[in-house]
PDB file of N, CA and C in Angstrom:
ATOM      1  N   UNK A   1     -11.504  -2.945  -2.688  1.00  0.00           N
ATOM      2  CA  UNK A   1     -12.235  -1.869  -2.647  1.00  0.00           C
ATOM      3  C   UNK A   1     -12.205  -1.049  -4.176  1.00  0.00           C
ATOM      4  N   UNK A   2     -13.225  -0.171  -4.583  1.00  0.00           N
ATOM      5  CA  UNK A   2     -13.199   0.378  -5.876  1.00  0.00           C
ATOM      6  C   UNK A   2     -12.988   1.763  -5.361  1.00  0.00           C
ATOM      7  N   UNK A   3     -12.385   2.050  -6.862  1.00  0.00           N
ATOM      8  CA  UNK A   3     -11.815   3.618  -7.113  1.00  0.00           C
ATOM      9  C   UNK A   3     -12.944   4.614  -7.882  1.00  0.00           C
ATOM     10  N   UNK A   4     -13.144   5.506  -7.248  1.00  0.00           N
ATOM     11  CA  UNK A   4     -14.728   5.991  -7.445  1.00  0.00           C
ATOM     12  C   UNK A   4     -13.815   7.724  -8.549  1.00  0.00           C
ATOM     13  N   UNK A   5     -13.116   8.088  -8.131  1.00  0.00           N
ATOM     14  CA  UNK A   5     -12.237   9.313  -8.374  1.00  0.00           C
ATOM     15  C   UNK A   5     -11.072   9.171  -8.142  1.00  0.00           C
ATOM     16  N   UNK A   6     -10.099  10.450  -9.231  1.00  0.00           N
ATOM     17  CA  UNK A   6      -8.922   9.989  -8.771  1.00  0.00           C
ATOM     18  C   UNK A   6      -8.589  11.439  -9.747  1.00  0.00           C
ATOM     19  N   UNK A   7      -7.713  12.091  -8.577  1.00  0.00           N
ATOM     20  CA  UNK A   7      -6.885  13.712  -9.182  1.00  0.00           C
ATOM     21  C   UNK A   7      -5.769  13.358  -8.867  1.00  0.00           C
ATOM     22  N   UNK A   8      -4.939  14.305  -8.895  1.00  0.00           N
ATOM     23  CA  UNK A   8      -3.725  14.611  -8.750  1.00  0.00           C
ATOM     24  C   UNK A   8      -3.128  14.670  -7.178  1.00  0.00           C
ATOM     25  N   UNK A   9      -4.497  14.788  -6.985  1.00  0.00           N
ATOM     26  CA  UNK A   9      -4.027  14.694  -5.068  1.00  0.00           C
ATOM     27  C   UNK A   9      -4.833  13.747  -4.368  1.00  0.00           C
ATOM     28  N   UNK A  10      -5.421  13.877  -4.807  1.00  0.00           N
ATOM     29  CA  UNK A  10      -6.727  12.392  -4.032  1.00  0.00           C
ATOM     30  C   UNK A  10      -7.346  11.374  -4.494  1.00  0.00           C
ATOM     31  N   UNK A  11      -7.738  10.674  -4.514  1.00  0.00           N
ATOM     32  CA  UNK A  11      -8.534   9.793  -4.492  1.00  0.00           C
ATOM     33  C   UNK A  11      -9.824   9.023  -3.186  1.00  0.00           C
ATOM     34  N   UNK A  12     -10.797   8.784  -4.789  1.00  0.00           N
ATOM     35  CA  UNK A  12     -11.942   8.713  -3.719  1.00  0.00           C
ATOM     36  C   UNK A  12     -12.503   6.773  -3.494  1.00  0.00           C
ATOM     37  N   UNK A  13     -12.878   6.257  -2.410  1.00  0.00           N
ATOM     38  CA  UNK A  13     -13.842   4.809  -3.135  1.00  0.00           C
ATOM     39  C   UNK A  13     -14.896   4.775  -2.964  1.00  0.00           C
ATOM     40  N   UNK A  14     -15.036   3.562  -3.010  1.00  0.00           N
ATOM     41  CA  UNK A  14     -16.880   3.662  -3.419  1.00  0.00           C
ATOM     42  C   UNK A  14     -17.649   3.565  -1.539  1.00  0.00           C
ATOM     43  N   UNK A  15     -16.379   3.241  -0.791  1.00  0.00           N
ATOM     44  CA  UNK A  15     -17.541   3.780   0.426  1.00  0.00           C
ATOM     45  C   UNK A  15     -17.077   5.037   1.062  1.00  0.00           C
ATOM     46  N   UNK A  16     -16.605   6.322  -0.011  1.00  0.00           N
ATOM     47  CA  UNK A  16     -16.963   7.485   0.465  1.00  0.00           C
ATOM     48  C   UNK A  16     -15.353   8.044   1.369  1.00  0.00           C
ATOM     49  N   UNK A  17     -14.670   7.319   1.194  1.00  0.00           N
ATOM     50  CA  UNK A  17     -13.262   7.587   2.074  1.00  0.00           C
ATOM     51  C   UNK A  17     -12.837   8.236   0.818  1.00  0.00           C
ATOM     52  N   UNK A  18     -12.377   9.544   1.248  1.00  0.00           N
ATOM     53  CA  UNK A  18     -11.304  10.284   0.547  1.00  0.00           C
ATOM     54  C   UNK A  18     -10.140  10.277   0.891  1.00  0.00           C
ATOM     55  N   UNK A  19      -8.817  10.196   0.020  1.00  0.00           N
ATOM     56  CA  UNK A  19      -7.202   9.763   0.830  1.00  0.00           C
ATOM     57  C   UNK A  19      -6.615  10.883  -0.230  1.00  0.00           C
ATOM     58  N   UNK A  20      -5.897  11.707   0.656  1.00  0.00           N
ATOM     59  CA  UNK A  20      -4.630  12.301  -0.305  1.00  0.00           C
ATOM     60  C   UNK A  20      -3.724  11.283  -0.677  1.00  0.00           C
ATOM     61  N   UNK A  21      -2.749  11.678  -1.742  1.00  0.00           N
ATOM     62  CA  UNK A  21      -1.909  11.143  -2.470  1.00  0.00           C
ATOM     63  C   UNK A  21      -0.869  12.379  -2.199  1.00  0.00           C
ATOM     64  N   UNK A  22       0.436  11.343  -1.656  1.00  0.00           N
ATOM     65  CA  UNK A  22       1.473  12.449  -1.326  1.00  0.00           C
ATOM     66  C   UNK A  22       2.105  11.643  -1.449  1.00  0.00           C
ATOM     67  N   UNK A  23       3.290  12.077  -2.528  1.00  0.00           N
ATOM     68  CA  UNK A  23       3.600  13.321  -3.076  1.00  0.00           C
ATOM     69  C   UNK A  23       2.207  13.151  -4.277  1.00  0.00           C
ATOM     70  N   UNK A  24       1.795  14.355  -4.908  1.00  0.00           N
ATOM     71  CA  UNK A  24       0.973  14.302  -5.489  1.00  0.00           C
ATOM     72  C   UNK A  24       1.594  13.746  -6.945  1.00  0.00           C
ATOM     73  N   UNK A  25       0.422  12.922  -7.893  1.00  0.00           N
ATOM     74  CA  UNK A  25       0.650  12.327  -9.325  1.00  0.00           C
ATOM     75  C   UNK A  25       1.539  13.210 -10.065  1.00  0.00           C
ATOM     76  N   UNK A  26       2.125  12.718 -11.019  1.00  0.00           N
ATOM     77  CA  UNK A  26       2.814  13.504 -11.884  1.00  0.00           C
ATOM     78  C   UNK A  26       2.596  13.351 -13.410  1.00  0.00           C
ATOM     79  N   UNK A  27       1.279  12.607 -13.614  1.00  0.00           N
ATOM     80  CA  UNK A  27       0.816  12.307 -14.764  1.00  0.00           C
ATOM     81  C   UNK A  27      -0.702  11.867 -14.635  1.00  0.00           C
ATOM     82  N   UNK A  28      -1.210  12.254 -15.697  1.00  0.00           N
ATOM     83  CA  UNK A  28      -2.318  12.104 -15.364  1.00  0.00           C
ATOM     84  C   UNK A  28      -2.674  10.488 -15.552  1.00  0.00           C
ATOM     85  N   UNK A  29      -3.774   9.575 -14.615  1.00  0.00           N
ATOM     86  CA  UNK A  29      -4.255   8.405 -14.328  1.00  0.00           C
ATOM     87  C   UNK A  29      -5.760   8.269 -14.643  1.00  0.00           C
ATOM     88  N   UNK A  30      -6.054   7.100 -15.550  1.00  0.00           N
ATOM     89  CA  UNK A  30      -7.611   7.005 -15.269  1.00  0.00           C
ATOM     90  C   UNK A  30      -7.862   5.959 -13.873  1.00  0.00           C
ATOM     91  N   UNK A  31      -9.021   6.311 -13.956  1.00  0.00           N
ATOM     92  CA  UNK A  31      -9.699   5.489 -12.538  1.00  0.00           C
ATOM     93  C   UNK A  31      -8.776   4.095 -12.913  1.00  0.00           C
ATOM     94  N   UNK A  32      -9.231   3.562 -14.156  1.00  0.00           N
ATOM     95  CA  UNK A  32      -8.821   2.134 -14.293  1.00  0.00           C
ATOM     96  C   UNK A  32      -7.389   2.086 -13.318  1.00  0.00           C
ATOM     97  N   UNK A  33      -6.604   2.760 -14.596  1.00  0.00           N
ATOM     98  CA  UNK A  33      -4.994   2.511 -14.318  1.00  0.00           C
ATOM     99  C   UNK A  33      -4.523   3.005 -12.547  1.00  0.00           C
ATOM    100  N   UNK A  34      -5.300   3.864 -12.264  1.00  0.00           N
ATOM    101  CA  UNK A  34      -5.031   4.008 -10.889  1.00  0.00           C
ATOM    102  C   UNK A  34      -5.324   2.530  -9.681  1.00  0.00           C
ATOM    103  N   UNK A  35      -6.634   2.229 -10.172  1.00  0.00           N
ATOM    104  CA  UNK A  35      -7.187   0.957  -9.563  1.00  0.00           C
ATOM    105  C   UNK A  35      -6.394  -0.043  -9.720  1.00  0.00           C
ATOM    106  N   UNK A  36      -5.388  -0.554 -11.024  1.00  0.00           N
ATOM    107  CA  UNK A  36      -4.528  -1.392 -11.320  1.00  0.00           C
ATOM    108  C   UNK A  36      -3.672  -1.323 -10.137  1.00  0.00           C
ATOM    109  N   UNK A  37      -2.744   0.173  -9.683  1.00  0.00           N
ATOM    110  CA  UNK A  37      -1.652   0.793  -9.017  1.00  0.00           C
ATOM    111  C   UNK A  37      -2.332   0.194  -7.604  1.00  0.00           C
ATOM    112  N   UNK A  38      -3.523   0.843  -7.087  1.00  0.00           N
ATOM    113  CA  UNK A  38      -3.744   0.655  -5.832  1.00  0.00           C
ATOM    114  C   UNK A  38      -4.203  -0.979  -5.084  1.00  0.00           C
ATOM    115  N   UNK A  39      -4.273  -1.633  -6.461  1.00  0.00           N
ATOM    116  CA  UNK A  39      -5.111  -3.322  -5.982  1.00  0.00           C
ATOM    117  C   UNK A  39      -3.594  -3.960  -6.164  1.00  0.00           C
ATOM    118  N   UNK A  40      -2.634  -3.464  -6.584  1.00  0.00           N
ATOM    119  CA  UNK A  40      -1.065  -4.168  -6.637  1.00  0.00           C
ATOM    120  C   UNK A  40      -0.595  -3.634  -5.314  1.00  0.00           C
ATOM    121  N   UNK A  41      -0.805  -2.390  -4.742  1.00  0.00           N
ATOM    122  CA  UNK A  41       0.022  -1.880  -3.543  1.00  0.00           C
ATOM    123  C   UNK A  41      -0.940  -2.314  -2.047  1.00  0.00           C
ATOM    124  N   UNK A  42      -2.553  -2.532  -2.280  1.00  0.00           N
ATOM    125  CA  UNK A  42      -3.085  -3.310  -1.035  1.00  0.00           C
ATOM    126  C   UNK A  42      -2.654  -4.734  -1.115  1.00  0.00           C
ATOM    127  N   UNK A  43      -2.239  -5.365  -2.266  1.00  0.00           N
ATOM    128  CA  UNK A  43      -1.697  -7.219  -2.015  1.00  0.00           C
ATOM    129  C   UNK A  43      -0.424  -6.888  -1.446  1.00  0.00           C
ATOM    130  N   UNK A  44       0.616  -5.978  -1.518  1.00  0.00           N
ATOM    131  CA  UNK A  44       1.804  -5.895  -0.878  1.00  0.00           C
ATOM    132  C   UNK A  44       1.446  -6.038   0.512  1.00  0.00           C
ATOM    133  N   UNK A  45       0.500  -4.642   0.865  1.00  0.00           N
ATOM    134  CA  UNK A  45       0.526  -4.689   2.341  1.00  0.00           C
ATOM    135  C   UNK A  45      -0.597  -5.963   3.127  1.00  0.00           C
ATOM    136  N   UNK A  46      -1.117  -6.392   2.238  1.00  0.00           N
ATOM    137  CA  UNK A  46      -1.891  -7.616   2.899  1.00  0.00           C
ATOM    138  C   UNK A  46      -0.938  -9.052   3.004  1.00  0.00           C
ATOM    139  N   UNK A  47      -0.096  -8.980   2.076  1.00  0.00           N
ATOM    140  CA  UNK A  47       0.885 -10.021   2.180  1.00  0.00           C
ATOM    141  C   UNK A  47       1.840  -9.569   3.461  1.00  0.00           C
ATOM    142  N   UNK A  48       2.617  -8.549   3.528  1.00  0.00           N
ATOM    143  CA  UNK A  48       3.694  -7.904   4.584  1.00  0.00           C
ATOM    144  C   UNK A  48       2.986  -8.205   5.765  1.00  0.00           C
ATOM    145  N   UNK A  49       1.518  -7.987   6.031  1.00  0.00           N
ATOM    146  CA  UNK A  49       1.042  -8.078   7.732  1.00  0.00           C
ATOM    147  C   UNK A  49       0.877  -9.739   7.535  1.00  0.00           C
ATOM    148  N   UNK A  50       0.539 -10.611   6.579  1.00  0.00           N
ATOM    149  CA  UNK A  50       1.024 -12.116   6.904  1.00  0.00           C
ATOM    150  C   UNK A  50       1.983 -12.932   7.756  1.00  0.00           C
ATOM    151  N   UNK A  51       3.168 -12.042   6.887  1.00  0.00           N
ATOM    152  CA  UNK A  51       4.235 -12.365   7.329  1.00  0.00           C
ATOM    153  C   UNK A  51       4.924 -12.194   8.856  1.00  0.00           C
ATOM    154  N   UNK A  52       4.204 -11.480   9.084  1.00  0.00           N
ATOM    155  CA  UNK A  52       4.583 -10.749  10.988  1.00  0.00           C
ATOM    156  C   UNK A  52       4.025 -11.691  11.451  1.00  0.00           C
ATOM    157  N   UNK A  53       4.970 -12.285  12.461  1.00  0.00           N
ATOM    158  CA  UNK A  53       4.857 -13.770  13.874  1.00  0.00           C
ATOM    159  C   UNK A  53       5.356 -13.394  14.938  1.00  0.00           C
ATOM    160  N   UNK A  54       5.210 -13.902  15.829  1.00  0.00           N
ATOM    161  CA  UNK A  54       5.705 -13.385  17.437  1.00  0.00           C
ATOM    162  C   UNK A  54       6.538 -14.605  17.511  1.00  0.00           C
ATOM    163  N   UNK A  55       7.789 -14.793  16.626  1.00  0.00           N
ATOM    164  CA  UNK A  55       9.320 -15.766  17.060  1.00  0.00           C
ATOM    165  C   UNK A  55       9.660 -15.188  17.376  1.00  0.00           C
ATOM    166  N   UNK A  56       9.721 -16.051  18.503  1.00  0.00           N
ATOM    167  CA  UNK A  56      11.193 -15.230  19.050  1.00  0.00           C
ATOM    168  C   UNK A  56      12.361 -15.122  18.968  1.00  0.00           C
ATOM    169  N   UNK A  57      12.523 -15.846  17.754  1.00  0.00           N
ATOM    170  CA  UNK A  57      14.059 -15.501  17.127  1.00  0.00           C
ATOM    171  C   UNK A  57      14.244 -14.064  16.299  1.00  0.00           C
ATOM    172  N   UNK A  58      13.261 -13.361  16.136  1.00  0.00           N
ATOM    173  CA  UNK A  58      13.166 -12.491  15.216  1.00  0.00           C
ATOM    174  C   UNK A  58      13.959 -11.313  16.020  1.00  0.00           C
ATOM    175  N   UNK A  59      14.427 -11.411  17.268  1.00  0.00           N
ATOM    176  CA  UNK A  59      15.183 -10.397  17.842  1.00  0.00           C
ATOM    177  C   UNK A  59      16.660 -10.756  16.848  1.00  0.00           C
ATOM    178  N   UNK A  60      16.841 -11.551  17.074  1.00  0.00           N
ATOM    179  CA  UNK A  60      18.429 -12.500  16.243  1.00  0.00           C
ATOM    180  C   UNK A  60      18.080 -11.905  15.003  1.00  0.00           C
ATOM    181  N   UNK A  61      17.921 -11.873  14.061  1.00  0.00           N
ATOM    182  CA  UNK A  61      17.743 -11.682  12.630  1.00  0.00           C
ATOM    183  C   UNK A  61      18.295 -10.305  12.596  1.00  0.00           C
ATOM    184  N   UNK A  62      18.771 -10.166  11.373  1.00  0.00           N
ATOM    185  CA  UNK A  62      19.936  -9.081  11.022  1.00  0.00           C
ATOM    186  C   UNK A  62      21.219  -8.334  12.239  1.00  0.00           C
ATOM    187  N   UNK A  63      20.976  -9.189  13.015  1.00  0.00           N
ATOM    188  CA  UNK A  63      22.111  -8.882  14.216  1.00  0.00           C
ATOM    189  C   UNK A  63      23.432  -9.533  13.621  1.00  0.00           C
ATOM    190  N   UNK A  64      24.705  -8.839  14.569  1.00  0.00           N
ATOM    191  CA  UNK A  64      25.800  -9.366  14.080  1.00  0.00           C
ATOM    192  C   UNK A  64      26.178 -11.164  14.722  1.00  0.00           C
ATOM    193  N   UNK A  65      26.406 -12.024  13.638  1.00  0.00           N
ATOM    194  CA  UNK A  65      26.655 -13.064  14.327  1.00  0.00           C
ATOM    195  C   UNK A  65      27.731 -13.740  15.108  1.00  0.00           C
ATOM    196  N   UNK A  66      27.495 -14.350  16.052  1.00  0.00           N
ATOM    197  CA  UNK A  66      28.061 -14.928  17.185  1.00  0.00           C
ATOM    198  C   UNK A  66      28.890 -16.270  16.990  1.00  0.00           C
ATOM    199  N   UNK A  67      30.244 -16.361  17.000  1.00  0.00           N
ATOM    200  CA  UNK A  67      30.839 -17.657  16.875  1.00  0.00           C
ATOM    201  C   UNK A  67      31.025 -18.348  18.221  1.00  0.00           C
TER     202      UNK A  67
END
C-alpha cells in the first residue's frame, strides 16, 4: 500500500485510511523514507502470520523439559 502523507503524528494510505503514529516520530521523514519503514514492517507482520500453525506440540515450546 502506498503512503500519501506523513506527519509526526499520523500517516495516510492511498485508500484514504489514516493511522496514528504512536509514539509520534522524533524526526522529520519524507514520504519515501516512511514508505521504506512501512514496507519493512508490513513484511515482518506478514511473515510472522505465516509461521503460525495449529501444531499440538506448540504448547510444549518454552516449557520446562521433562526428563
